[in-house]
C-alpha atoms as a PDB file:
ATOM      1  CA  UNK A   1     -16.893   4.895   6.973  1.00  0.00           C
ATOM      2  CA  UNK A   2     -17.744   8.473   7.950  1.00  0.00           C
ATOM      3  CA  UNK A   3     -15.382  11.317   7.485  1.00  0.00           C
ATOM      4  CA  UNK A   4     -13.760  12.825  10.603  1.00  0.00           C
ATOM      5  CA  UNK A   5     -13.209  16.217   9.088  1.00  0.00           C
ATOM      6  CA  UNK A   6     -14.748  19.110  10.960  1.00  0.00           C
ATOM      7  CA  UNK A   7     -16.775  21.840   9.479  1.00  0.00           C
ATOM      8  CA  UNK A   8     -14.854  24.875   8.202  1.00  0.00           C
ATOM      9  CA  UNK A   9     -15.627  28.277   9.552  1.00  0.00           C
ATOM     10  CA  UNK A  10     -17.514  29.167   6.480  1.00  0.00           C
ATOM     11  CA  UNK A  11     -19.834  26.187   6.841  1.00  0.00           C
ATOM     12  CA  UNK A  12     -20.356  26.886  10.508  1.00  0.00           C
ATOM     13  CA  UNK A  13     -21.250  30.596   9.888  1.00  0.00           C
ATOM     14  CA  UNK A  14     -23.681  29.556   7.098  1.00  0.00           C
ATOM     15  CA  UNK A  15     -25.260  26.971   9.471  1.00  0.00           C
ATOM     16  CA  UNK A  16     -25.531  29.678  12.212  1.00  0.00           C
ATOM     17  CA  UNK A  17     -27.017  32.194   9.825  1.00  0.00           C
ATOM     18  CA  UNK A  18     -29.572  29.709   8.707  1.00  0.00           C
ATOM     19  CA  UNK A  19     -30.601  29.047  12.227  1.00  0.00           C
ATOM     20  CA  UNK A  20     -30.945  32.697  12.806  1.00  0.00           C
ATOM     21  CA  UNK A  21     -33.154  33.098   9.733  1.00  0.00           C
ATOM     22  CA  UNK A  22     -35.392  30.251  11.101  1.00  0.00           C
ATOM     23  CA  UNK A  23     -35.732  31.976  14.503  1.00  0.00           C
ATOM     24  CA  UNK A  24     -36.389  35.389  13.245  1.00  0.00           C
ATOM     25  CA  UNK A  25     -38.457  34.714  10.134  1.00  0.00           C
ATOM     26  CA  UNK A  26     -40.476  31.728  11.018  1.00  0.00           C
ATOM     27  CA  UNK A  27     -43.444  32.767   9.079  1.00  0.00           C
ATOM     28  CA  UNK A  28     -41.640  34.556   6.222  1.00  0.00           C
ATOM     29  CA  UNK A  29     -41.895  33.291   2.703  1.00  0.00           C
ATOM     30  CA  UNK A  30     -38.902  31.474   1.325  1.00  0.00           C
ATOM     31  CA  UNK A  31     -36.526  33.340  -0.871  1.00  0.00           C
ATOM     32  CA  UNK A  32     -36.438  32.569  -4.568  1.00  0.00           C
ATOM     33  CA  UNK A  33     -34.033  29.718  -5.518  1.00  0.00           C
ATOM     34  CA  UNK A  34     -30.913  30.548  -7.259  1.00  0.00           C
ATOM     35  CA  UNK A  35     -30.707  29.385 -10.833  1.00  0.00           C
ATOM     36  CA  UNK A  36     -27.992  26.765 -11.473  1.00  0.00           C
ATOM     37  CA  UNK A  37     -26.643  25.565 -14.705  1.00  0.00           C
ATOM     38  CA  UNK A  38     -25.249  22.056 -14.819  1.00  0.00           C
ATOM     39  CA  UNK A  39     -21.608  22.033 -15.676  1.00  0.00           C
ATOM     40  CA  UNK A  40     -21.043  25.684 -14.747  1.00  0.00           C
ATOM     41  CA  UNK A  41     -19.194  24.811 -11.501  1.00  0.00           C
ATOM     42  CA  UNK A  42     -17.609  21.618 -12.572  1.00  0.00           C
ATOM     43  CA  UNK A  43     -14.332  20.958 -10.789  1.00  0.00           C
ATOM     44  CA  UNK A  44     -13.906  17.376 -11.771  1.00  0.00           C
ATOM     45  CA  UNK A  45     -10.933  18.180 -13.841  1.00  0.00           C
ATOM     46  CA  UNK A  46      -9.301  14.856 -13.375  1.00  0.00           C
ATOM     47  CA  UNK A  47     -12.227  12.849 -14.537  1.00  0.00           C
ATOM     48  CA  UNK A  48     -13.454  10.215 -12.085  1.00  0.00           C
ATOM     49  CA  UNK A  49      -9.958  10.044 -10.241  1.00  0.00           C
ATOM     50  CA  UNK A  50      -9.719   6.410 -11.045  1.00  0.00           C
ATOM     51  CA  UNK A  51      -5.896   6.529 -11.525  1.00  0.00           C
ATOM     52  CA  UNK A  52      -5.414   8.588  -8.296  1.00  0.00           C
ATOM     53  CA  UNK A  53      -7.733   6.312  -6.303  1.00  0.00           C
ATOM     54  CA  UNK A  54      -5.632   3.292  -7.379  1.00  0.00           C
ATOM     55  CA  UNK A  55      -2.571   5.193  -6.198  1.00  0.00           C
ATOM     56  CA  UNK A  56      -4.078   6.052  -2.870  1.00  0.00           C
ATOM     57  CA  UNK A  57      -5.172   2.511  -2.227  1.00  0.00           C
ATOM     58  CA  UNK A  58      -1.619   1.178  -3.094  1.00  0.00           C
ATOM     59  CA  UNK A  59      -0.252   3.841  -0.849  1.00  0.00           C
ATOM     60  CA  UNK A  60      -2.438   2.570   2.105  1.00  0.00           C
ATOM     61  CA  UNK A  61      -0.666  -0.766   1.772  1.00  0.00           C
ATOM     62  CA  UNK A  62       2.886   0.646   1.284  1.00  0.00           C
ATOM     63  CA  UNK A  63       2.454   3.229   4.093  1.00  0.00           C
ATOM     64  CA  UNK A  64       1.718   0.645   6.856  1.00  0.00           C
ATOM     65  CA  UNK A  65       5.391  -0.432   7.509  1.00  0.00           C
ATOM     66  CA  UNK A  66       6.354   3.301   7.987  1.00  0.00           C
ATOM     67  CA  UNK A  67       4.521   3.240  11.297  1.00  0.00           C
ATOM     68  CA  UNK A  68       5.739  -0.128  12.581  1.00  0.00           C
ATOM     69  CA  UNK A  69       8.811   1.150  14.385  1.00  0.00           C
ATOM     70  CA  UNK A  70       6.539   3.610  16.312  1.00  0.00           C
ATOM     71  CA  UNK A  71       3.428   1.599  16.940  1.00  0.00           C
ATOM     72  CA  UNK A  72       4.975  -1.826  17.075  1.00  0.00           C
ATOM     73  CA  UNK A  73       2.249  -2.969  14.679  1.00  0.00           C
ATOM     74  CA  UNK A  74       0.990  -2.318  11.105  1.00  0.00           C
ATOM     75  CA  UNK A  75      -2.078  -0.087  11.473  1.00  0.00           C
ATOM     76  CA  UNK A  76      -4.946  -0.352   9.086  1.00  0.00           C
ATOM     77  CA  UNK A  77      -5.088   2.727   6.744  1.00  0.00           C
ATOM     78  CA  UNK A  78      -7.979   3.553   4.551  1.00  0.00           C
ATOM     79  CA  UNK A  79      -8.377   6.273   1.965  1.00  0.00           C
ATOM     80  CA  UNK A  80     -11.202   8.755   1.092  1.00  0.00           C
ATOM     81  CA  UNK A  81     -12.073   9.872  -2.423  1.00  0.00           C
ATOM     82  CA  UNK A  82      -9.859  12.668  -3.516  1.00  0.00           C
ATOM     83  CA  UNK A  83     -11.393  16.128  -3.376  1.00  0.00           C
ATOM     84  CA  UNK A  84     -10.585  19.389  -5.321  1.00  0.00           C
ATOM     85  CA  UNK A  85     -10.937  22.677  -3.338  1.00  0.00           C
ATOM     86  CA  UNK A  86      -9.078  25.816  -3.015  1.00  0.00           C
ATOM     87  CA  UNK A  87      -6.235  25.963  -0.637  1.00  0.00           C
ATOM     88  CA  UNK A  88      -7.865  28.619   1.270  1.00  0.00           C
ATOM     89  CA  UNK A  89     -10.818  26.291   1.909  1.00  0.00           C
ATOM     90  CA  UNK A  90      -8.533  23.560   2.947  1.00  0.00           C
ATOM     91  CA  UNK A  91      -6.702  25.834   5.267  1.00  0.00           C
ATOM     92  CA  UNK A  92      -9.806  26.982   6.944  1.00  0.00           C
ATOM     93  CA  UNK A  93     -10.451  23.424   8.075  1.00  0.00           C
ATOM     94  CA  UNK A  94      -7.130  23.053   9.943  1.00  0.00           C
ATOM     95  CA  UNK A  95      -5.912  24.259  13.133  1.00  0.00           C
ATOM     96  CA  UNK A  96      -3.270  26.907  13.407  1.00  0.00           C
ATOM     97  CA  UNK A  97      -0.772  24.387  14.929  1.00  0.00           C
ATOM     98  CA  UNK A  98      -0.156  21.322  12.800  1.00  0.00           C
ATOM     99  CA  UNK A  99       2.722  19.446  10.986  1.00  0.00           C
ATOM    100  CA  UNK A 100       3.149  20.611   7.309  1.00  0.00           C
ATOM    101  CA  UNK A 101       5.916  19.043   5.249  1.00  0.00           C
ATOM    102  CA  UNK A 102       6.404  20.186   1.734  1.00  0.00           C
ATOM    103  CA  UNK A 103       8.255  18.109  -0.871  1.00  0.00           C
ATOM    104  CA  UNK A 104       9.266  18.818  -4.383  1.00  0.00           C
ATOM    105  CA  UNK A 105       7.963  16.430  -7.045  1.00  0.00           C
ATOM    106  CA  UNK A 106      10.291  15.691  -9.809  1.00  0.00           C
ATOM    107  CA  UNK A 107       9.955  15.600 -12.825  1.00  0.00           C
ATOM    108  CA  UNK A 108       6.615  17.509 -12.483  1.00  0.00           C
ATOM    109  CA  UNK A 109       8.496  20.493 -10.975  1.00  0.00           C
ATOM    110  CA  UNK A 110       5.594  20.735  -8.410  1.00  0.00           C
ATOM    111  CA  UNK A 111       5.318  20.316  -4.791  1.00  0.00           C
ATOM    112  CA  UNK A 112       3.217  18.129  -2.366  1.00  0.00           C
ATOM    113  CA  UNK A 113       2.224  18.646   1.239  1.00  0.00           C
ATOM    114  CA  UNK A 114       1.793  16.094   4.019  1.00  0.00           C
ATOM    115  CA  UNK A 115      -0.348  17.103   6.885  1.00  0.00           C
ATOM    116  CA  UNK A 116      -0.111  15.439  10.328  1.00  0.00           C
ATOM    117  CA  UNK A 117      -2.206  16.276  13.303  1.00  0.00           C
ATOM    118  CA  UNK A 118      -0.148  17.326  16.410  1.00  0.00           C
ATOM    119  CA  UNK A 119      -1.971  14.705  18.631  1.00  0.00           C
ATOM    120  CA  UNK A 120      -0.950  12.004  16.320  1.00  0.00           C
ATOM    121  CA  UNK A 121       2.656  13.300  16.352  1.00  0.00           C
ATOM    122  CA  UNK A 122       2.623  13.125  20.215  1.00  0.00           C
ATOM    123  CA  UNK A 123       1.049   9.662  20.228  1.00  0.00           C
ATOM    124  CA  UNK A 124       3.848   8.461  17.766  1.00  0.00           C
ATOM    125  CA  UNK A 125       6.531   9.864  19.792  1.00  0.00           C
ATOM    126  CA  UNK A 126       5.330   8.586  23.164  1.00  0.00           C
ATOM    127  CA  UNK A 127       4.820   5.029  21.646  1.00  0.00           C
ATOM    128  CA  UNK A 128       8.207   5.135  19.900  1.00  0.00           C
ATOM    129  CA  UNK A 129       9.899   5.518  23.371  1.00  0.00           C
ATOM    130  CA  UNK A 130       7.966   2.713  24.914  1.00  0.00           C
ATOM    131  CA  UNK A 131       4.615   4.437  25.875  1.00  0.00           C
ATOM    132  CA  UNK A 132       1.188   3.055  25.248  1.00  0.00           C
ATOM    133  CA  UNK A 133      -0.817   3.891  22.146  1.00  0.00           C
ATOM    134  CA  UNK A 134      -3.107   6.332  23.567  1.00  0.00           C
ATOM    135  CA  UNK A 135      -4.435   9.857  22.848  1.00  0.00           C
ATOM    136  CA  UNK A 136      -2.426  12.526  24.642  1.00  0.00           C
ATOM    137  CA  UNK A 137      -3.634  16.056  25.257  1.00  0.00           C
ATOM    138  CA  UNK A 138      -1.653  18.627  23.217  1.00  0.00           C
ATOM    139  CA  UNK A 139      -2.161  22.265  23.943  1.00  0.00           C
ATOM    140  CA  UNK A 140       1.236  23.442  22.783  1.00  0.00           C
ATOM    141  CA  UNK A 141       2.024  25.583  19.826  1.00  0.00           C
ATOM    142  CA  UNK A 142       5.350  24.152  18.817  1.00  0.00           C
ATOM    143  CA  UNK A 143       7.023  20.660  18.484  1.00  0.00           C
ATOM    144  CA  UNK A 144       9.841  19.509  20.606  1.00  0.00           C
ATOM    145  CA  UNK A 145      13.160  18.390  19.014  1.00  0.00           C
ATOM    146  CA  UNK A 146      12.178  14.792  19.591  1.00  0.00           C
ATOM    147  CA  UNK A 147       8.793  15.275  17.801  1.00  0.00           C
ATOM    148  CA  UNK A 148      10.574  17.142  14.983  1.00  0.00           C
ATOM    149  CA  UNK A 149      12.716  14.120  14.468  1.00  0.00           C
ATOM    150  CA  UNK A 150       9.789  11.690  14.485  1.00  0.00           C
ATOM    151  CA  UNK A 151       8.012  14.007  11.846  1.00  0.00           C
ATOM    152  CA  UNK A 152      11.139  13.786   9.767  1.00  0.00           C
ATOM    153  CA  UNK A 153      11.351  10.018   9.950  1.00  0.00           C
ATOM    154  CA  UNK A 154       7.598   9.459   9.222  1.00  0.00           C
ATOM    155  CA  UNK A 155       7.472  11.953   6.323  1.00  0.00           C
ATOM    156  CA  UNK A 156      10.530  10.486   4.796  1.00  0.00           C
ATOM    157  CA  UNK A 157       9.004   7.086   4.948  1.00  0.00           C
ATOM    158  CA  UNK A 158       5.702   8.350   3.470  1.00  0.00           C
ATOM    159  CA  UNK A 159       7.571   9.902   0.693  1.00  0.00           C
ATOM    160  CA  UNK A 160       9.193   6.614  -0.239  1.00  0.00           C
ATOM    161  CA  UNK A 161       5.758   5.002  -0.017  1.00  0.00           C
ATOM    162  CA  UNK A 162       4.376   7.652  -2.388  1.00  0.00           C
ATOM    163  CA  UNK A 163       7.305   7.042  -4.955  1.00  0.00           C
ATOM    164  CA  UNK A 164       6.432   3.244  -4.915  1.00  0.00           C
ATOM    165  CA  UNK A 165       2.665   4.000  -5.188  1.00  0.00           C
ATOM    166  CA  UNK A 166       3.145   6.268  -8.326  1.00  0.00           C
ATOM    167  CA  UNK A 167       5.778   4.155  -9.902  1.00  0.00           C
ATOM    168  CA  UNK A 168       3.349   2.069 -12.092  1.00  0.00           C
ATOM    169  CA  UNK A 169       1.710   5.292 -13.390  1.00  0.00           C
ATOM    170  CA  UNK A 170       4.654   7.578 -13.602  1.00  0.00           C
ATOM    171  CA  UNK A 171       8.231   7.427 -11.923  1.00  0.00           C
ATOM    172  CA  UNK A 172       8.157  10.436  -9.523  1.00  0.00           C
ATOM    173  CA  UNK A 173      10.532  11.384  -6.638  1.00  0.00           C
ATOM    174  CA  UNK A 174       9.502  13.262  -3.510  1.00  0.00           C
ATOM    175  CA  UNK A 175      12.143  15.251  -1.803  1.00  0.00           C
ATOM    176  CA  UNK A 176      11.449  17.167   1.436  1.00  0.00           C
ATOM    177  CA  UNK A 177      11.890  20.973   0.782  1.00  0.00           C
ATOM    178  CA  UNK A 178      10.606  22.441   4.118  1.00  0.00           C
ATOM    179  CA  UNK A 179       8.646  21.778   7.286  1.00  0.00           C
ATOM    180  CA  UNK A 180       6.332  24.260   8.874  1.00  0.00           C
ATOM    181  CA  UNK A 181       3.983  24.345  11.959  1.00  0.00           C
ATOM    182  CA  UNK A 182       1.800  27.060  10.860  1.00  0.00           C
ATOM    183  CA  UNK A 183      -0.077  27.371   7.470  1.00  0.00           C
ATOM    184  CA  UNK A 184       0.604  31.123   7.280  1.00  0.00           C
ATOM    185  CA  UNK A 185       4.285  30.391   6.759  1.00  0.00           C
ATOM    186  CA  UNK A 186       3.838  27.410   4.414  1.00  0.00           C
ATOM    187  CA  UNK A 187       5.019  28.386   0.876  1.00  0.00           C
ATOM    188  CA  UNK A 188       2.798  25.909  -0.913  1.00  0.00           C
ATOM    189  CA  UNK A 189       0.353  27.549  -3.275  1.00  0.00           C
ATOM    190  CA  UNK A 190      -1.828  30.661  -3.211  1.00  0.00           C
ATOM    191  CA  UNK A 191      -5.037  30.559  -1.296  1.00  0.00           C
ATOM    192  CA  UNK A 192      -7.127  30.747  -4.468  1.00  0.00           C
ATOM    193  CA  UNK A 193      -5.271  28.026  -6.280  1.00  0.00           C
ATOM    194  CA  UNK A 194      -6.960  24.675  -6.543  1.00  0.00           C
ATOM    195  CA  UNK A 195      -5.419  21.661  -4.716  1.00  0.00           C
ATOM    196  CA  UNK A 196      -6.326  17.892  -4.775  1.00  0.00           C
ATOM    197  CA  UNK A 197      -6.742  16.790  -1.290  1.00  0.00           C
ATOM    198  CA  UNK A 198      -6.095  12.948  -0.608  1.00  0.00           C
ATOM    199  CA  UNK A 199      -7.201  12.153   2.928  1.00  0.00           C
ATOM    200  CA  UNK A 200      -6.404   8.996   4.851  1.00  0.00           C
ATOM    201  CA  UNK A 201      -7.553   7.651   8.171  1.00  0.00           C
ATOM    202  CA  UNK A 202      -5.252   5.454  10.395  1.00  0.00           C
ATOM    203  CA  UNK A 203      -6.988   3.018  12.695  1.00  0.00           C
ATOM    204  CA  UNK A 204      -5.314   2.734  16.099  1.00  0.00           C
ATOM    205  CA  UNK A 205      -5.983   0.261  18.904  1.00  0.00           C
ATOM    206  CA  UNK A 206      -7.243   1.805  22.089  1.00  0.00           C
ATOM    207  CA  UNK A 207      -7.033   5.303  20.670  1.00  0.00           C
ATOM    208  CA  UNK A 208      -9.044   7.587  18.364  1.00  0.00           C
ATOM    209  CA  UNK A 209      -8.294   7.222  14.620  1.00  0.00           C
ATOM    210  CA  UNK A 210      -5.702   9.635  13.226  1.00  0.00           C
ATOM    211  CA  UNK A 211      -6.025  11.712   9.968  1.00  0.00           C
ATOM    212  CA  UNK A 212      -3.399  12.077   7.352  1.00  0.00           C
ATOM    213  CA  UNK A 213      -3.643  14.379   4.413  1.00  0.00           C
ATOM    214  CA  UNK A 214      -1.535  14.496   1.190  1.00  0.00           C
ATOM    215  CA  UNK A 215      -2.196  17.617  -1.008  1.00  0.00           C
ATOM    216  CA  UNK A 216      -1.157  18.171  -4.713  1.00  0.00           C
ATOM    217  CA  UNK A 217      -1.669  21.342  -6.631  1.00  0.00           C
ATOM    218  CA  UNK A 218      -4.051  20.705  -9.372  1.00  0.00           C
ATOM    219  CA  UNK A 219      -1.698  22.512 -11.827  1.00  0.00           C
ATOM    220  CA  UNK A 220       1.131  20.146 -11.085  1.00  0.00           C
ATOM    221  CA  UNK A 221      -1.036  17.019 -11.843  1.00  0.00           C
ATOM    222  CA  UNK A 222      -2.381  18.288 -15.239  1.00  0.00           C
ATOM    223  CA  UNK A 223       0.596  16.743 -17.170  1.00  0.00           C
ATOM    224  CA  UNK A 224      -0.753  13.383 -15.827  1.00  0.00           C
ATOM    225  CA  UNK A 225      -4.421  14.190 -16.409  1.00  0.00           C
ATOM    226  CA  UNK A 226      -4.871  11.558 -19.199  1.00  0.00           C
ATOM    227  CA  UNK A 227      -3.154   8.866 -17.245  1.00  0.00           C
ATOM    228  CA  UNK A 228      -4.985   9.600 -14.036  1.00  0.00           C
ATOM    229  CA  UNK A 229      -8.331   9.357 -16.014  1.00  0.00           C
ATOM    230  CA  UNK A 230      -7.182   6.030 -17.472  1.00  0.00           C
ATOM    231  CA  UNK A 231      -8.119   2.651 -15.985  1.00  0.00           C
ATOM    232  CA  UNK A 232      -4.867   1.156 -17.310  1.00  0.00           C
ATOM    233  CA  UNK A 233      -1.734   0.957 -15.332  1.00  0.00           C
ATOM    234  CA  UNK A 234       1.699   1.301 -16.664  1.00  0.00           C
ATOM    235  CA  UNK A 235       2.758  -1.187 -19.342  1.00  0.00           C
ATOM    236  CA  UNK A 236       6.272  -1.399 -17.861  1.00  0.00           C
ATOM    237  CA  UNK A 237       6.741  -4.562 -15.924  1.00  0.00           C
ATOM    238  CA  UNK A 238       9.238  -4.158 -13.172  1.00  0.00           C
ATOM    239  CA  UNK A 239      11.408  -7.091 -12.174  1.00  0.00           C
ATOM    240  CA  UNK A 240      10.612  -7.743  -8.435  1.00  0.00           C
ATOM    241  CA  UNK A 241      13.811  -9.529  -7.270  1.00  0.00           C
ATOM    242  CA  UNK A 242      12.419 -10.052  -3.861  1.00  0.00           C
ATOM    243  CA  UNK A 243       9.301 -11.741  -5.250  1.00  0.00           C
ATOM    244  CA  UNK A 244      11.260 -13.876  -7.310  1.00  0.00           C
ATOM    245  CA  UNK A 245      13.496 -15.020  -4.604  1.00  0.00           C
ATOM    246  CA  UNK A 246      10.430 -15.857  -2.461  1.00  0.00           C
ATOM    247  CA  UNK A 247       8.930 -17.803  -5.236  1.00  0.00           C
ATOM    248  CA  UNK A 248      12.156 -19.693  -5.934  1.00  0.00           C
ATOM    249  CA  UNK A 249      12.437 -20.731  -2.314  1.00  0.00           C
ATOM    250  CA  UNK A 250       8.916 -21.764  -2.274  1.00  0.00           C
ATOM    251  CA  UNK A 251       9.197 -23.959  -5.339  1.00  0.00           C
ATOM    252  CA  UNK A 252      12.510 -25.554  -4.199  1.00  0.00           C
ATOM    253  CA  UNK A 253      10.812 -26.540  -0.964  1.00  0.00           C
ATOM    254  CA  UNK A 254       8.093 -28.587  -2.700  1.00  0.00           C
ATOM    255  CA  UNK A 255       8.380 -32.265  -1.641  1.00  0.00           C
ATOM    256  CA  UNK A 256       8.689 -34.755  -4.468  1.00  0.00           C
ATOM    257  CA  UNK A 257       8.664 -38.630  -4.358  1.00  0.00           C
ATOM    258  CA  UNK A 258      11.857 -40.206  -5.991  1.00  0.00           C
ATOM    259  CA  UNK A 259      11.689 -44.022  -6.781  1.00  0.00           C
ATOM    260  CA  UNK A 260      14.307 -46.329  -8.637  1.00  0.00           C
ATOM    261  CA  UNK A 261      12.949 -48.911 -11.051  1.00  0.00           C
ATOM    262  CA  UNK A 262      15.373 -51.818 -10.781  1.00  0.00           C
ATOM    263  CA  UNK A 263      13.418 -54.399 -12.848  1.00  0.00           C
ATOM    264  CA  UNK A 264      10.119 -55.117 -14.480  1.00  0.00           C
ATOM    265  CA  UNK A 265       9.562 -58.871 -14.354  1.00  0.00           C
ATOM    266  CA  UNK A 266       6.748 -60.549 -16.278  1.00  0.00           C
ATOM    267  CA  UNK A 267       4.755 -63.156 -14.341  1.00  0.00           C
ATOM    268  CA  UNK A 268       1.947 -65.127 -15.831  1.00  0.00           C
ATOM    269  CA  UNK A 269      -1.501 -64.813 -13.900  1.00  0.00           C
ATOM    270  CA  UNK A 270      -1.512 -68.535 -13.277  1.00  0.00           C
ATOM    271  CA  UNK A 271       1.830 -68.273 -11.419  1.00  0.00           C
ATOM    272  CA  UNK A 272       0.551 -65.077  -9.496  1.00  0.00           C
ATOM    273  CA  UNK A 273      -2.447 -67.016  -8.415  1.00  0.00           C
ATOM    274  CA  UNK A 274      -0.283 -69.800  -6.919  1.00  0.00           C
ATOM    275  CA  UNK A 275       1.984 -67.356  -4.988  1.00  0.00           C
ATOM    276  CA  UNK A 276       2.005 -67.885  -1.294  1.00  0.00           C
ATOM    277  CA  UNK A 277       4.471 -66.461   1.409  1.00  0.00           C
ATOM    278  CA  UNK A 278       7.832 -68.129   0.948  1.00  0.00           C
ATOM    279  CA  UNK A 279       7.740 -68.478  -2.754  1.00  0.00           C
ATOM    280  CA  UNK A 280      10.655 -66.902  -4.775  1.00  0.00           C
ATOM    281  CA  UNK A 281      10.090 -64.837  -7.916  1.00  0.00           C
ATOM    282  CA  UNK A 282      13.112 -64.817 -10.161  1.00  0.00           C
ATOM    283  CA  UNK A 283      13.958 -61.320 -11.310  1.00  0.00           C
ATOM    284  CA  UNK A 284      16.738 -60.121 -13.663  1.00  0.00           C
ATOM    285  CA  UNK A 285      17.919 -56.807 -12.553  1.00  0.00           C
ATOM    286  CA  UNK A 286      18.272 -54.259 -15.414  1.00  0.00           C
ATOM    287  CA  UNK A 287      21.807 -53.097 -16.135  1.00  0.00           C
ATOM    288  CA  UNK A 288      20.579 -49.466 -16.369  1.00  0.00           C
ATOM    289  CA  UNK A 289      17.879 -48.843 -13.786  1.00  0.00           C
ATOM    290  CA  UNK A 290      15.582 -45.863 -14.109  1.00  0.00           C
ATOM    291  CA  UNK A 291      15.240 -43.181 -11.602  1.00  0.00           C
ATOM    292  CA  UNK A 292      11.500 -41.787 -11.381  1.00  0.00           C
ATOM    293  CA  UNK A 293      10.301 -38.523 -10.022  1.00  0.00           C
ATOM    294  CA  UNK A 294       6.605 -38.484  -9.229  1.00  0.00           C
ATOM    295  CA  UNK A 295       6.356 -41.717 -11.348  1.00  0.00           C
ATOM    296  CA  UNK A 296       7.865 -40.039 -14.422  1.00  0.00           C
ATOM    297  CA  UNK A 297      11.291 -41.217 -15.801  1.00  0.00           C
ATOM    298  CA  UNK A 298      14.080 -38.653 -15.405  1.00  0.00           C
ATOM    299  CA  UNK A 299      17.426 -40.375 -15.237  1.00  0.00           C
ATOM    300  CA  UNK A 300      19.158 -43.703 -16.153  1.00  0.00           C
ATOM    301  CA  UNK A 301      21.916 -45.015 -13.874  1.00  0.00           C
ATOM    302  CA  UNK A 302      24.073 -47.917 -12.685  1.00  0.00           C
ATOM    303  CA  UNK A 303      23.606 -49.974  -9.554  1.00  0.00           C
ATOM    304  CA  UNK A 304      26.381 -49.533  -6.953  1.00  0.00           C
ATOM    305  CA  UNK A 305      27.100 -48.847  -3.421  1.00  0.00           C
ATOM    306  CA  UNK A 306      28.276 -45.851  -1.269  1.00  0.00           C
ATOM    307  CA  UNK A 307      29.337 -46.027   2.416  1.00  0.00           C
ATOM    308  CA  UNK A 308      28.163 -49.542   2.739  1.00  0.00           C
ATOM    309  CA  UNK A 309      24.579 -48.661   1.402  1.00  0.00           C
ATOM    310  CA  UNK A 310      23.130 -49.557  -2.004  1.00  0.00           C
ATOM    311  CA  UNK A 311      23.092 -46.569  -4.429  1.00  0.00           C
ATOM    312  CA  UNK A 312      22.375 -45.571  -7.937  1.00  0.00           C
ATOM    313  CA  UNK A 313      24.981 -43.715 -10.031  1.00  0.00           C
ATOM    314  CA  UNK A 314      23.140 -41.447 -12.461  1.00  0.00           C
ATOM    315  CA  UNK A 315      24.547 -41.670 -15.867  1.00  0.00           C
ATOM    316  CA  UNK A 316      22.349 -39.702 -18.183  1.00  0.00           C
ATOM    317  CA  UNK A 317      19.083 -37.698 -18.191  1.00  0.00           C
ATOM    318  CA  UNK A 318      16.197 -39.180 -20.140  1.00  0.00           C
ATOM    319  CA  UNK A 319      14.310 -37.312 -22.803  1.00  0.00           C
ATOM    320  CA  UNK A 320      10.642 -37.008 -22.041  1.00  0.00           C
END
């Protein structure tokens, strides 16, 4: 799946300068290549991001119900590999008007930022109040009170999904600290600070896919760097009560065949060979018939009746 991120202004400027160089110096010699030393510009400070990728994949599943009240469906959410860049580089890729929600992360004492595009906010608001899921032109520079409430509901749900996604690795809590509409007023990190950008794409029917970004300061994740590089999840097994209840109901609904063994007569083979319709085989009923479940003996009982019907009164459970 191709990324939908647009080129930053630095990348566009470099591309334009390169085209100008080609137009002006078509016959000039190429400049000397800049020497590069492997490892000198290594930003893979979290290893192969394996732990963070697992968290993002789990978040994709947990975040789908957040959009159900708005879209009346569970959208498909996919994650891109995490990227490390400076906050200035990330800011250069964004429009001036966008939804920025900054949350405190405890016990890391850091912050996270959720970025929602204004077009996606307008789509969610319109669909929430009965409109169709469609792209709406948005040329405003501020959100309405209704859209601000939608942003609050969505980000609160996404924070709860983040808590559940991080729970196996480390129990974290995300609490909304502030919401902004312009990066210039967002008190997140300094422009030169490194951030971890986790990008997600939300597939929508009859509409263009929407982008969702979650940013973590690299400094805030350093205490968990060893766990994020590990391929092992938490060794703490949580007791999922809901899953146990569903499993219990499913097991209790399994149909079983119950039969009662009243007697086991012994008949010679010669007598069986002479049997025809109308013959009577004498049978001595056992004083303690056995109740079988799936042809395995479970209970002993007595023959009786209840409400005019033959019945067996269970007296004791048999040892298998």
